mmCIF file of all heavy atoms, coordinates in Angstrom:
data_MODEL
# 
_entry.id   MODEL 
# 
loop_
_atom_site.group_PDB 
_atom_site.id 
_atom_site.type_symbol 
_atom_site.label_atom_id 
_atom_site.label_alt_id 
_atom_site.label_comp_id 
_atom_site.label_asym_id 
_atom_site.label_entity_id 
_atom_site.label_seq_id 
_atom_site.pdbx_PDB_ins_code 
_atom_site.Cartn_x 
_atom_site.Cartn_y 
_atom_site.Cartn_z 
_atom_site.occupancy 
_atom_site.B_iso_or_equiv 
_atom_site.pdbx_formal_charge 
_atom_site.auth_seq_id 
_atom_site.auth_comp_id 
_atom_site.auth_asym_id 
_atom_site.auth_atom_id 
_atom_site.pdbx_PDB_model_num 
ATOM 1   N N   . GLU A 1 1  ? -8.195 -3.788  -14.550 1.00 0.00 ? 1  GLU A N   1 
ATOM 2   C CA  . GLU A 1 1  ? -7.935 -3.826  -16.002 1.00 0.00 ? 1  GLU A CA  1 
ATOM 3   C C   . GLU A 1 1  ? -7.762 -5.304  -16.387 1.00 0.00 ? 1  GLU A C   1 
ATOM 4   O O   . GLU A 1 1  ? -6.831 -5.960  -15.983 1.00 0.00 ? 1  GLU A O   1 
ATOM 5   C CB  . GLU A 1 1  ? -6.665 -3.027  -16.361 1.00 0.00 ? 1  GLU A CB  1 
ATOM 6   C CG  . GLU A 1 1  ? -6.412 -3.033  -17.833 1.00 0.00 ? 1  GLU A CG  1 
ATOM 7   C CD  . GLU A 1 1  ? -5.255 -2.080  -18.226 1.00 0.00 ? 1  GLU A CD  1 
ATOM 8   O OE1 . GLU A 1 1  ? -4.789 -1.360  -17.327 1.00 0.00 ? 1  GLU A OE1 1 
ATOM 9   O OE2 . GLU A 1 1  ? -4.763 -2.139  -19.374 1.00 0.00 ? 1  GLU A OE2 1 
ATOM 10  N N   . ASN A 1 2  ? -8.745 -5.767  -17.208 1.00 0.00 ? 2  ASN A N   1 
ATOM 11  C CA  . ASN A 1 2  ? -8.728 -7.186  -17.584 1.00 0.00 ? 2  ASN A CA  1 
ATOM 12  C C   . ASN A 1 2  ? -8.670 -8.105  -16.419 1.00 0.00 ? 2  ASN A C   1 
ATOM 13  O O   . ASN A 1 2  ? -9.428 -7.997  -15.506 1.00 0.00 ? 2  ASN A O   1 
ATOM 14  C CB  . ASN A 1 2  ? -7.588 -7.431  -18.609 1.00 0.00 ? 2  ASN A CB  1 
ATOM 15  C CG  . ASN A 1 2  ? -7.704 -6.584  -19.835 1.00 0.00 ? 2  ASN A CG  1 
ATOM 16  O OD1 . ASN A 1 2  ? -8.807 -6.354  -20.310 1.00 0.00 ? 2  ASN A OD1 1 
ATOM 17  N ND2 . ASN A 1 2  ? -6.596 -6.062  -20.344 1.00 0.00 ? 2  ASN A ND2 1 
ATOM 18  N N   . ALA A 1 3  ? -7.731 -9.044  -16.399 1.00 0.00 ? 3  ALA A N   1 
ATOM 19  C CA  . ALA A 1 3  ? -7.718 -10.033 -15.330 1.00 0.00 ? 3  ALA A CA  1 
ATOM 20  C C   . ALA A 1 3  ? -6.828 -9.591  -14.172 1.00 0.00 ? 3  ALA A C   1 
ATOM 21  O O   . ALA A 1 3  ? -6.647 -10.401 -13.202 1.00 0.00 ? 3  ALA A O   1 
ATOM 22  C CB  . ALA A 1 3  ? -7.179 -11.352 -15.893 1.00 0.00 ? 3  ALA A CB  1 
ATOM 23  N N   . LYS A 1 4  ? -6.314 -8.380  -14.233 1.00 0.00 ? 4  LYS A N   1 
ATOM 24  C CA  . LYS A 1 4  ? -5.415 -7.968  -13.180 1.00 0.00 ? 4  LYS A CA  1 
ATOM 25  C C   . LYS A 1 4  ? -5.987 -6.719  -12.490 1.00 0.00 ? 4  LYS A C   1 
ATOM 26  O O   . LYS A 1 4  ? -6.509 -5.823  -13.133 1.00 0.00 ? 4  LYS A O   1 
ATOM 27  C CB  . LYS A 1 4  ? -4.048 -7.584  -13.819 1.00 0.00 ? 4  LYS A CB  1 
ATOM 28  C CG  . LYS A 1 4  ? -2.966 -7.322  -12.820 1.00 0.00 ? 4  LYS A CG  1 
ATOM 29  C CD  . LYS A 1 4  ? -1.617 -7.066  -13.511 1.00 0.00 ? 4  LYS A CD  1 
ATOM 30  C CE  . LYS A 1 4  ? -1.114 -8.352  -14.140 1.00 0.00 ? 4  LYS A CE  1 
ATOM 31  N NZ  . LYS A 1 4  ? 0.243  -8.205  -14.748 1.00 0.00 ? 4  LYS A NZ  1 
ATOM 32  N N   . SER A 1 5  ? -5.910 -6.737  -11.179 1.00 0.00 ? 5  SER A N   1 
ATOM 33  C CA  . SER A 1 5  ? -6.365 -5.605  -10.392 1.00 0.00 ? 5  SER A CA  1 
ATOM 34  C C   . SER A 1 5  ? -5.198 -4.994  -9.628  1.00 0.00 ? 5  SER A C   1 
ATOM 35  O O   . SER A 1 5  ? -4.293 -5.699  -9.243  1.00 0.00 ? 5  SER A O   1 
ATOM 36  C CB  . SER A 1 5  ? -7.435 -6.032  -9.373  1.00 0.00 ? 5  SER A CB  1 
ATOM 37  O OG  . SER A 1 5  ? -8.534 -6.653  -10.013 1.00 0.00 ? 5  SER A OG  1 
ATOM 38  N N   . THR A 1 6  ? -5.210 -3.680  -9.496  1.00 0.00 ? 6  THR A N   1 
ATOM 39  C CA  . THR A 1 6  ? -4.154 -2.961  -8.828  1.00 0.00 ? 6  THR A CA  1 
ATOM 40  C C   . THR A 1 6  ? -4.736 -2.175  -7.667  1.00 0.00 ? 6  THR A C   1 
ATOM 41  O O   . THR A 1 6  ? -5.752 -1.468  -7.866  1.00 0.00 ? 6  THR A O   1 
ATOM 42  C CB  . THR A 1 6  ? -3.399 -2.015  -9.739  1.00 0.00 ? 6  THR A CB  1 
ATOM 43  O OG1 . THR A 1 6  ? -2.868 -2.793  -10.871 1.00 0.00 ? 6  THR A OG1 1 
ATOM 44  C CG2 . THR A 1 6  ? -2.210 -1.401  -9.038  1.00 0.00 ? 6  THR A CG2 1 
ATOM 45  N N   . VAL A 1 7  ? -4.144 -2.325  -6.514  1.00 0.00 ? 7  VAL A N   1 
ATOM 46  C CA  . VAL A 1 7  ? -4.614 -1.613  -5.316  1.00 0.00 ? 7  VAL A CA  1 
ATOM 47  C C   . VAL A 1 7  ? -3.427 -0.657  -4.903  1.00 0.00 ? 7  VAL A C   1 
ATOM 48  O O   . VAL A 1 7  ? -2.320 -1.036  -4.813  1.00 0.00 ? 7  VAL A O   1 
ATOM 49  C CB  . VAL A 1 7  ? -4.909 -2.572  -4.112  1.00 0.00 ? 7  VAL A CB  1 
ATOM 50  C CG1 . VAL A 1 7  ? -5.416 -1.806  -2.961  1.00 0.00 ? 7  VAL A CG1 1 
ATOM 51  C CG2 . VAL A 1 7  ? -5.860 -3.671  -4.605  1.00 0.00 ? 7  VAL A CG2 1 
ATOM 52  N N   . TYR A 1 8  ? -3.839 0.629   -4.731  1.00 0.00 ? 8  TYR A N   1 
ATOM 53  C CA  . TYR A 1 8  ? -2.840 1.634   -4.415  1.00 0.00 ? 8  TYR A CA  1 
ATOM 54  C C   . TYR A 1 8  ? -3.009 2.080   -2.902  1.00 0.00 ? 8  TYR A C   1 
ATOM 55  O O   . TYR A 1 8  ? -4.155 2.158   -2.447  1.00 0.00 ? 8  TYR A O   1 
ATOM 56  C CB  . TYR A 1 8  ? -2.987 2.854   -5.313  1.00 0.00 ? 8  TYR A CB  1 
ATOM 57  C CG  . TYR A 1 8  ? -2.872 2.525   -6.751  1.00 0.00 ? 8  TYR A CG  1 
ATOM 58  C CD1 . TYR A 1 8  ? -4.005 2.342   -7.541  1.00 0.00 ? 8  TYR A CD1 1 
ATOM 59  C CD2 . TYR A 1 8  ? -1.600 2.416   -7.371  1.00 0.00 ? 8  TYR A CD2 1 
ATOM 60  C CE1 . TYR A 1 8  ? -3.867 2.053   -8.917  1.00 0.00 ? 8  TYR A CE1 1 
ATOM 61  C CE2 . TYR A 1 8  ? -1.531 2.128   -8.724  1.00 0.00 ? 8  TYR A CE2 1 
ATOM 62  C CZ  . TYR A 1 8  ? -2.642 1.943   -9.485  1.00 0.00 ? 8  TYR A CZ  1 
ATOM 63  O OH  . TYR A 1 8  ? -2.505 1.659   -10.801 1.00 0.00 ? 8  TYR A OH  1 
ATOM 64  N N   . LEU A 1 9  ? -1.898 2.404   -2.319  1.00 0.00 ? 9  LEU A N   1 
ATOM 65  C CA  . LEU A 1 9  ? -1.949 3.037   -1.016  1.00 0.00 ? 9  LEU A CA  1 
ATOM 66  C C   . LEU A 1 9  ? -1.178 4.392   -1.114  1.00 0.00 ? 9  LEU A C   1 
ATOM 67  O O   . LEU A 1 9  ? 0.080  4.335   -1.213  1.00 0.00 ? 9  LEU A O   1 
ATOM 68  C CB  . LEU A 1 9  ? -1.325 2.168   0.072   1.00 0.00 ? 9  LEU A CB  1 
ATOM 69  C CG  . LEU A 1 9  ? -1.371 2.718   1.431   1.00 0.00 ? 9  LEU A CG  1 
ATOM 70  C CD1 . LEU A 1 9  ? -2.815 2.836   1.989   1.00 0.00 ? 9  LEU A CD1 1 
ATOM 71  C CD2 . LEU A 1 9  ? -0.562 1.906   2.447   1.00 0.00 ? 9  LEU A CD2 1 
ATOM 72  N N   . GLN A 1 10 ? -1.895 5.446   -1.235  1.00 0.00 ? 10 GLN A N   1 
ATOM 73  C CA  . GLN A 1 10 ? -1.294 6.776   -1.302  1.00 0.00 ? 10 GLN A CA  1 
ATOM 74  C C   . GLN A 1 10 ? -1.017 7.268   0.163   1.00 0.00 ? 10 GLN A C   1 
ATOM 75  O O   . GLN A 1 10 ? -1.944 7.340   0.944   1.00 0.00 ? 10 GLN A O   1 
ATOM 76  C CB  . GLN A 1 10 ? -2.232 7.782   -1.980  1.00 0.00 ? 10 GLN A CB  1 
ATOM 77  C CG  . GLN A 1 10 ? -1.683 9.191   -2.083  1.00 0.00 ? 10 GLN A CG  1 
ATOM 78  C CD  . GLN A 1 10 ? -0.435 9.349   -2.925  1.00 0.00 ? 10 GLN A CD  1 
ATOM 79  O OE1 . GLN A 1 10 ? -0.414 8.861   -4.049  1.00 0.00 ? 10 GLN A OE1 1 
ATOM 80  N NE2 . GLN A 1 10 ? 0.574  10.032  -2.387  1.00 0.00 ? 10 GLN A NE2 1 
ATOM 81  N N   . MET A 1 11 ? 0.251  7.521   0.422   1.00 0.00 ? 11 MET A N   1 
ATOM 82  C CA  . MET A 1 11 ? 0.659  7.941   1.803   1.00 0.00 ? 11 MET A CA  1 
ATOM 83  C C   . MET A 1 11 ? 1.196  9.337   1.755   1.00 0.00 ? 11 MET A C   1 
ATOM 84  O O   . MET A 1 11 ? 2.190  9.591   1.083   1.00 0.00 ? 11 MET A O   1 
ATOM 85  C CB  . MET A 1 11 ? 1.682  6.934   2.327   1.00 0.00 ? 11 MET A CB  1 
ATOM 86  C CG  . MET A 1 11 ? 1.280  5.484   2.252   1.00 0.00 ? 11 MET A CG  1 
ATOM 87  S SD  . MET A 1 11 ? 2.406  4.358   3.056   1.00 0.00 ? 11 MET A SD  1 
ATOM 88  C CE  . MET A 1 11 ? 3.847  4.570   1.988   1.00 0.00 ? 11 MET A CE  1 
ATOM 89  N N   . ASN A 1 12 ? 0.526  10.245  2.385   1.00 0.00 ? 12 ASN A N   1 
ATOM 90  C CA  . ASN A 1 12 ? 0.919  11.632  2.486   1.00 0.00 ? 12 ASN A CA  1 
ATOM 91  C C   . ASN A 1 12 ? 1.267  12.039  3.889   1.00 0.00 ? 12 ASN A C   1 
ATOM 92  O O   . ASN A 1 12 ? 0.948  11.326  4.867   1.00 0.00 ? 12 ASN A O   1 
ATOM 93  C CB  . ASN A 1 12 ? -0.243 12.553  1.997   1.00 0.00 ? 12 ASN A CB  1 
ATOM 94  C CG  . ASN A 1 12 ? -0.613 12.256  0.554   1.00 0.00 ? 12 ASN A CG  1 
ATOM 95  O OD1 . ASN A 1 12 ? 0.199  11.930  -0.286  1.00 0.00 ? 12 ASN A OD1 1 
ATOM 96  N ND2 . ASN A 1 12 ? -1.913 12.405  0.231   1.00 0.00 ? 12 ASN A ND2 1 
ATOM 97  N N   . SER A 1 13 ? 1.933  13.158  4.039   1.00 0.00 ? 13 SER A N   1 
ATOM 98  C CA  . SER A 1 13 ? 2.353  13.624  5.359   1.00 0.00 ? 13 SER A CA  1 
ATOM 99  C C   . SER A 1 13 ? 3.000  12.570  6.184   1.00 0.00 ? 13 SER A C   1 
ATOM 100 O O   . SER A 1 13 ? 2.681  12.380  7.337   1.00 0.00 ? 13 SER A O   1 
ATOM 101 C CB  . SER A 1 13 ? 1.138  14.213  6.076   1.00 0.00 ? 13 SER A CB  1 
ATOM 102 O OG  . SER A 1 13 ? 0.498  15.221  5.377   1.00 0.00 ? 13 SER A OG  1 
ATOM 103 N N   . LEU A 1 14 ? 3.922  11.840  5.612   1.00 0.00 ? 14 LEU A N   1 
ATOM 104 C CA  . LEU A 1 14 ? 4.586  10.754  6.286   1.00 0.00 ? 14 LEU A CA  1 
ATOM 105 C C   . LEU A 1 14 ? 5.359  11.184  7.469   1.00 0.00 ? 14 LEU A C   1 
ATOM 106 O O   . LEU A 1 14 ? 5.963  12.261  7.481   1.00 0.00 ? 14 LEU A O   1 
ATOM 107 C CB  . LEU A 1 14 ? 5.460  9.971   5.290   1.00 0.00 ? 14 LEU A CB  1 
ATOM 108 C CG  . LEU A 1 14 ? 4.663  9.077   4.322   1.00 0.00 ? 14 LEU A CG  1 
ATOM 109 C CD1 . LEU A 1 14 ? 5.518  8.733   3.126   1.00 0.00 ? 14 LEU A CD1 1 
ATOM 110 C CD2 . LEU A 1 14 ? 4.205  7.854   5.062   1.00 0.00 ? 14 LEU A CD2 1 
ATOM 111 N N   . GLU A 1 15 ? 5.383  10.333  8.471   1.00 0.00 ? 15 GLU A N   1 
ATOM 112 C CA  . GLU A 1 15 ? 6.045  10.596  9.728   1.00 0.00 ? 15 GLU A CA  1 
ATOM 113 C C   . GLU A 1 15 ? 7.033  9.474   10.005  1.00 0.00 ? 15 GLU A C   1 
ATOM 114 O O   . GLU A 1 15 ? 6.843  8.357   9.456   1.00 0.00 ? 15 GLU A O   1 
ATOM 115 C CB  . GLU A 1 15 ? 5.014  10.611  10.871  1.00 0.00 ? 15 GLU A CB  1 
ATOM 116 C CG  . GLU A 1 15 ? 3.875  11.622  10.690  1.00 0.00 ? 15 GLU A CG  1 
ATOM 117 C CD  . GLU A 1 15 ? 2.717  11.385  11.628  1.00 0.00 ? 15 GLU A CD  1 
ATOM 118 O OE1 . GLU A 1 15 ? 2.722  10.391  12.406  1.00 0.00 ? 15 GLU A OE1 1 
ATOM 119 O OE2 . GLU A 1 15 ? 1.808  12.252  11.639  1.00 0.00 ? 15 GLU A OE2 1 
ATOM 120 N N   . PRO A 1 16 ? 8.059  9.744   10.842  1.00 0.00 ? 16 PRO A N   1 
ATOM 121 C CA  . PRO A 1 16 ? 9.031  8.706   11.142  1.00 0.00 ? 16 PRO A CA  1 
ATOM 122 C C   . PRO A 1 16 ? 8.383  7.403   11.681  1.00 0.00 ? 16 PRO A C   1 
ATOM 123 O O   . PRO A 1 16 ? 8.893  6.306   11.434  1.00 0.00 ? 16 PRO A O   1 
ATOM 124 C CB  . PRO A 1 16 ? 9.964  9.363   12.143  1.00 0.00 ? 16 PRO A CB  1 
ATOM 125 C CG  . PRO A 1 16 ? 9.853  10.803  11.784  1.00 0.00 ? 16 PRO A CG  1 
ATOM 126 C CD  . PRO A 1 16 ? 8.483  11.009  11.351  1.00 0.00 ? 16 PRO A CD  1 
ATOM 127 N N   . GLU A 1 17 ? 7.282  7.578   12.350  1.00 0.00 ? 17 GLU A N   1 
ATOM 128 C CA  . GLU A 1 17 ? 6.550  6.423   12.955  1.00 0.00 ? 17 GLU A CA  1 
ATOM 129 C C   . GLU A 1 17 ? 5.911  5.556   11.909  1.00 0.00 ? 17 GLU A C   1 
ATOM 130 O O   . GLU A 1 17 ? 5.478  4.439   12.179  1.00 0.00 ? 17 GLU A O   1 
ATOM 131 C CB  . GLU A 1 17 ? 5.477  6.946   13.903  1.00 0.00 ? 17 GLU A CB  1 
ATOM 132 C CG  . GLU A 1 17 ? 5.982  7.600   15.178  1.00 0.00 ? 17 GLU A CG  1 
ATOM 133 C CD  . GLU A 1 17 ? 6.487  9.015   14.916  1.00 0.00 ? 17 GLU A CD  1 
ATOM 134 O OE1 . GLU A 1 17 ? 6.121  9.617   13.938  1.00 0.00 ? 17 GLU A OE1 1 
ATOM 135 O OE2 . GLU A 1 17 ? 7.334  9.455   15.782  1.00 0.00 ? 17 GLU A OE2 1 
ATOM 136 N N   . ASP A 1 18 ? 5.866  6.011   10.652  1.00 0.00 ? 18 ASP A N   1 
ATOM 137 C CA  . ASP A 1 18 ? 5.350  5.209   9.557   1.00 0.00 ? 18 ASP A CA  1 
ATOM 138 C C   . ASP A 1 18 ? 6.391  4.271   8.999   1.00 0.00 ? 18 ASP A C   1 
ATOM 139 O O   . ASP A 1 18 ? 6.061  3.489   8.071   1.00 0.00 ? 18 ASP A O   1 
ATOM 140 C CB  . ASP A 1 18 ? 4.804  6.106   8.428   1.00 0.00 ? 18 ASP A CB  1 
ATOM 141 C CG  . ASP A 1 18 ? 3.633  6.977   8.885   1.00 0.00 ? 18 ASP A CG  1 
ATOM 142 O OD1 . ASP A 1 18 ? 2.736  6.422   9.537   1.00 0.00 ? 18 ASP A OD1 1 
ATOM 143 O OD2 . ASP A 1 18 ? 3.589  8.151   8.530   1.00 0.00 ? 18 ASP A OD2 1 
ATOM 144 N N   . THR A 1 19 ? 7.602  4.369   9.438   1.00 0.00 ? 19 THR A N   1 
ATOM 145 C CA  . THR A 1 19 ? 8.707  3.533   8.954   1.00 0.00 ? 19 THR A CA  1 
ATOM 146 C C   . THR A 1 19 ? 8.397  2.067   9.262   1.00 0.00 ? 19 THR A C   1 
ATOM 147 O O   . THR A 1 19 ? 8.176  1.724   10.428  1.00 0.00 ? 19 THR A O   1 
ATOM 148 C CB  . THR A 1 19 ? 10.028 3.957   9.545   1.00 0.00 ? 19 THR A CB  1 
ATOM 149 O OG1 . THR A 1 19 ? 10.367 5.281   9.096   1.00 0.00 ? 19 THR A OG1 1 
ATOM 150 C CG2 . THR A 1 19 ? 11.135 2.990   9.176   1.00 0.00 ? 19 THR A CG2 1 
ATOM 151 N N   . ALA A 1 20 ? 8.395  1.234   8.234   1.00 0.00 ? 20 ALA A N   1 
ATOM 152 C CA  . ALA A 1 20 ? 8.071  -0.192  8.441   1.00 0.00 ? 20 ALA A CA  1 
ATOM 153 C C   . ALA A 1 20 ? 8.202  -0.855  7.097   1.00 0.00 ? 20 ALA A C   1 
ATOM 154 O O   . ALA A 1 20 ? 8.365  -0.250  6.065   1.00 0.00 ? 20 ALA A O   1 
ATOM 155 C CB  . ALA A 1 20 ? 6.624  -0.368  8.952   1.00 0.00 ? 20 ALA A CB  1 
ATOM 156 N N   . VAL A 1 21 ? 8.111  -2.223  7.112   1.00 0.00 ? 21 VAL A N   1 
ATOM 157 C CA  . VAL A 1 21 ? 7.904  -2.957  5.889   1.00 0.00 ? 21 VAL A CA  1 
ATOM 158 C C   . VAL A 1 21 ? 6.372  -3.052  5.676   1.00 0.00 ? 21 VAL A C   1 
ATOM 159 O O   . VAL A 1 21 ? 5.665  -3.427  6.593   1.00 0.00 ? 21 VAL A O   1 
ATOM 160 C CB  . VAL A 1 21 ? 8.504  -4.377  5.986   1.00 0.00 ? 21 VAL A CB  1 
ATOM 161 C CG1 . VAL A 1 21 ? 8.234  -5.174  4.692   1.00 0.00 ? 21 VAL A CG1 1 
ATOM 162 C CG2 . VAL A 1 21 ? 10.019 -4.312  6.231   1.00 0.00 ? 21 VAL A CG2 1 
ATOM 163 N N   . TYR A 1 22 ? 5.972  -2.662  4.496   1.00 0.00 ? 22 TYR A N   1 
ATOM 164 C CA  . TYR A 1 22 ? 4.549  -2.657  4.166   1.00 0.00 ? 22 TYR A CA  1 
ATOM 165 C C   . TYR A 1 22 ? 4.245  -3.907  3.304   1.00 0.00 ? 22 TYR A C   1 
ATOM 166 O O   . TYR A 1 22 ? 4.954  -4.179  2.315   1.00 0.00 ? 22 TYR A O   1 
ATOM 167 C CB  . TYR A 1 22 ? 4.169  -1.397  3.442   1.00 0.00 ? 22 TYR A CB  1 
ATOM 168 C CG  . TYR A 1 22 ? 4.056  -0.203  4.357   1.00 0.00 ? 22 TYR A CG  1 
ATOM 169 C CD1 . TYR A 1 22 ? 5.168  0.343   5.029   1.00 0.00 ? 22 TYR A CD1 1 
ATOM 170 C CD2 . TYR A 1 22 ? 2.812  0.350   4.670   1.00 0.00 ? 22 TYR A CD2 1 
ATOM 171 C CE1 . TYR A 1 22 ? 5.059  1.412   5.887   1.00 0.00 ? 22 TYR A CE1 1 
ATOM 172 C CE2 . TYR A 1 22 ? 2.693  1.405   5.542   1.00 0.00 ? 22 TYR A CE2 1 
ATOM 173 C CZ  . TYR A 1 22 ? 3.820  1.953   6.189   1.00 0.00 ? 22 TYR A CZ  1 
ATOM 174 O OH  . TYR A 1 22 ? 3.712  3.009   7.010   1.00 0.00 ? 22 TYR A OH  1 
ATOM 175 N N   . TYR A 1 23 ? 3.107  -4.563  3.621   1.00 0.00 ? 23 TYR A N   1 
ATOM 176 C CA  . TYR A 1 23 ? 2.689  -5.725  2.921   1.00 0.00 ? 23 TYR A CA  1 
ATOM 177 C C   . TYR A 1 23 ? 1.314  -5.531  2.373   1.00 0.00 ? 23 TYR A C   1 
ATOM 178 O O   . TYR A 1 23 ? 0.431  -5.001  3.084   1.00 0.00 ? 23 TYR A O   1 
ATOM 179 C CB  . TYR A 1 23 ? 2.709  -6.942  3.857   1.00 0.00 ? 23 TYR A CB  1 
ATOM 180 C CG  . TYR A 1 23 ? 4.010  -7.327  4.445   1.00 0.00 ? 23 TYR A CG  1 
ATOM 181 C CD1 . TYR A 1 23 ? 4.443  -6.827  5.658   1.00 0.00 ? 23 TYR A CD1 1 
ATOM 182 C CD2 . TYR A 1 23 ? 4.879  -8.252  3.782   1.00 0.00 ? 23 TYR A CD2 1 
ATOM 183 C CE1 . TYR A 1 23 ? 5.658  -7.170  6.233   1.00 0.00 ? 23 TYR A CE1 1 
ATOM 184 C CE2 . TYR A 1 23 ? 6.054  -8.632  4.341   1.00 0.00 ? 23 TYR A CE2 1 
ATOM 185 C CZ  . TYR A 1 23 ? 6.443  -8.076  5.545   1.00 0.00 ? 23 TYR A CZ  1 
ATOM 186 O OH  . TYR A 1 23 ? 7.657  -8.428  6.075   1.00 0.00 ? 23 TYR A OH  1 
ATOM 187 N N   . CYS A 1 24 ? 1.050  -6.057  1.200   1.00 0.00 ? 24 CYS A N   1 
ATOM 188 C CA  . CYS A 1 24 ? -0.301 -6.157  0.680   1.00 0.00 ? 24 CYS A CA  1 
ATOM 189 C C   . CYS A 1 24 ? -0.755 -7.622  0.824   1.00 0.00 ? 24 CYS A C   1 
ATOM 190 O O   . CYS A 1 24 ? 0.080  -8.544  0.690   1.00 0.00 ? 24 CYS A O   1 
ATOM 191 C CB  . CYS A 1 24 ? -0.291 -5.796  -0.819  1.00 0.00 ? 24 CYS A CB  1 
ATOM 192 S SG  . CYS A 1 24 ? -1.909 -5.800  -1.569  1.00 0.00 ? 24 CYS A SG  1 
ATOM 193 N N   . ALA A 1 25 ? -1.982 -7.799  1.218   1.00 0.00 ? 25 ALA A N   1 
ATOM 194 C CA  . ALA A 1 25 ? -2.502 -9.128  1.412   1.00 0.00 ? 25 ALA A CA  1 
ATOM 195 C C   . ALA A 1 25 ? -3.900 -9.332  0.861   1.00 0.00 ? 25 ALA A C   1 
ATOM 196 O O   . ALA A 1 25 ? -4.677 -8.340  0.822   1.00 0.00 ? 25 ALA A O   1 
ATOM 197 C CB  . ALA A 1 25 ? -2.505 -9.464  2.922   1.00 0.00 ? 25 ALA A CB  1 
ATOM 198 N N   . ALA A 1 26 ? -4.209 -10.505 0.412   1.00 0.00 ? 26 ALA A N   1 
ATOM 199 C CA  . ALA A 1 26 ? -5.544 -10.827 -0.101  1.00 0.00 ? 26 ALA A CA  1 
ATOM 200 C C   . ALA A 1 26 ? -6.094 -12.006 0.676   1.00 0.00 ? 26 ALA A C   1 
ATOM 201 O O   . ALA A 1 26 ? -5.385 -12.915 1.052   1.00 0.00 ? 26 ALA A O   1 
ATOM 202 C CB  . ALA A 1 26 ? -5.512 -11.132 -1.592  1.00 0.00 ? 26 ALA A CB  1 
ATOM 203 N N   . GLY A 1 27 ? -7.469 -11.967 0.908   1.00 0.00 ? 27 GLY A N   1 
ATOM 204 C CA  . GLY A 1 27 ? -8.054 -13.028 1.687   1.00 0.00 ? 27 GLY A CA  1 
ATOM 205 C C   . GLY A 1 27 ? -9.476 -13.314 1.287   1.00 0.00 ? 27 GLY A C   1 
ATOM 206 O O   . GLY A 1 27 ? -9.948 -12.887 0.202   1.00 0.00 ? 27 GLY A O   1 
# 
């Protein structure tokens, strides 16, 4: 939308092993 972009991460069926700090990165 305009000059801004949004990236989504939909996470379903989450498991205890998914516990973490999540980072978004651009390169």
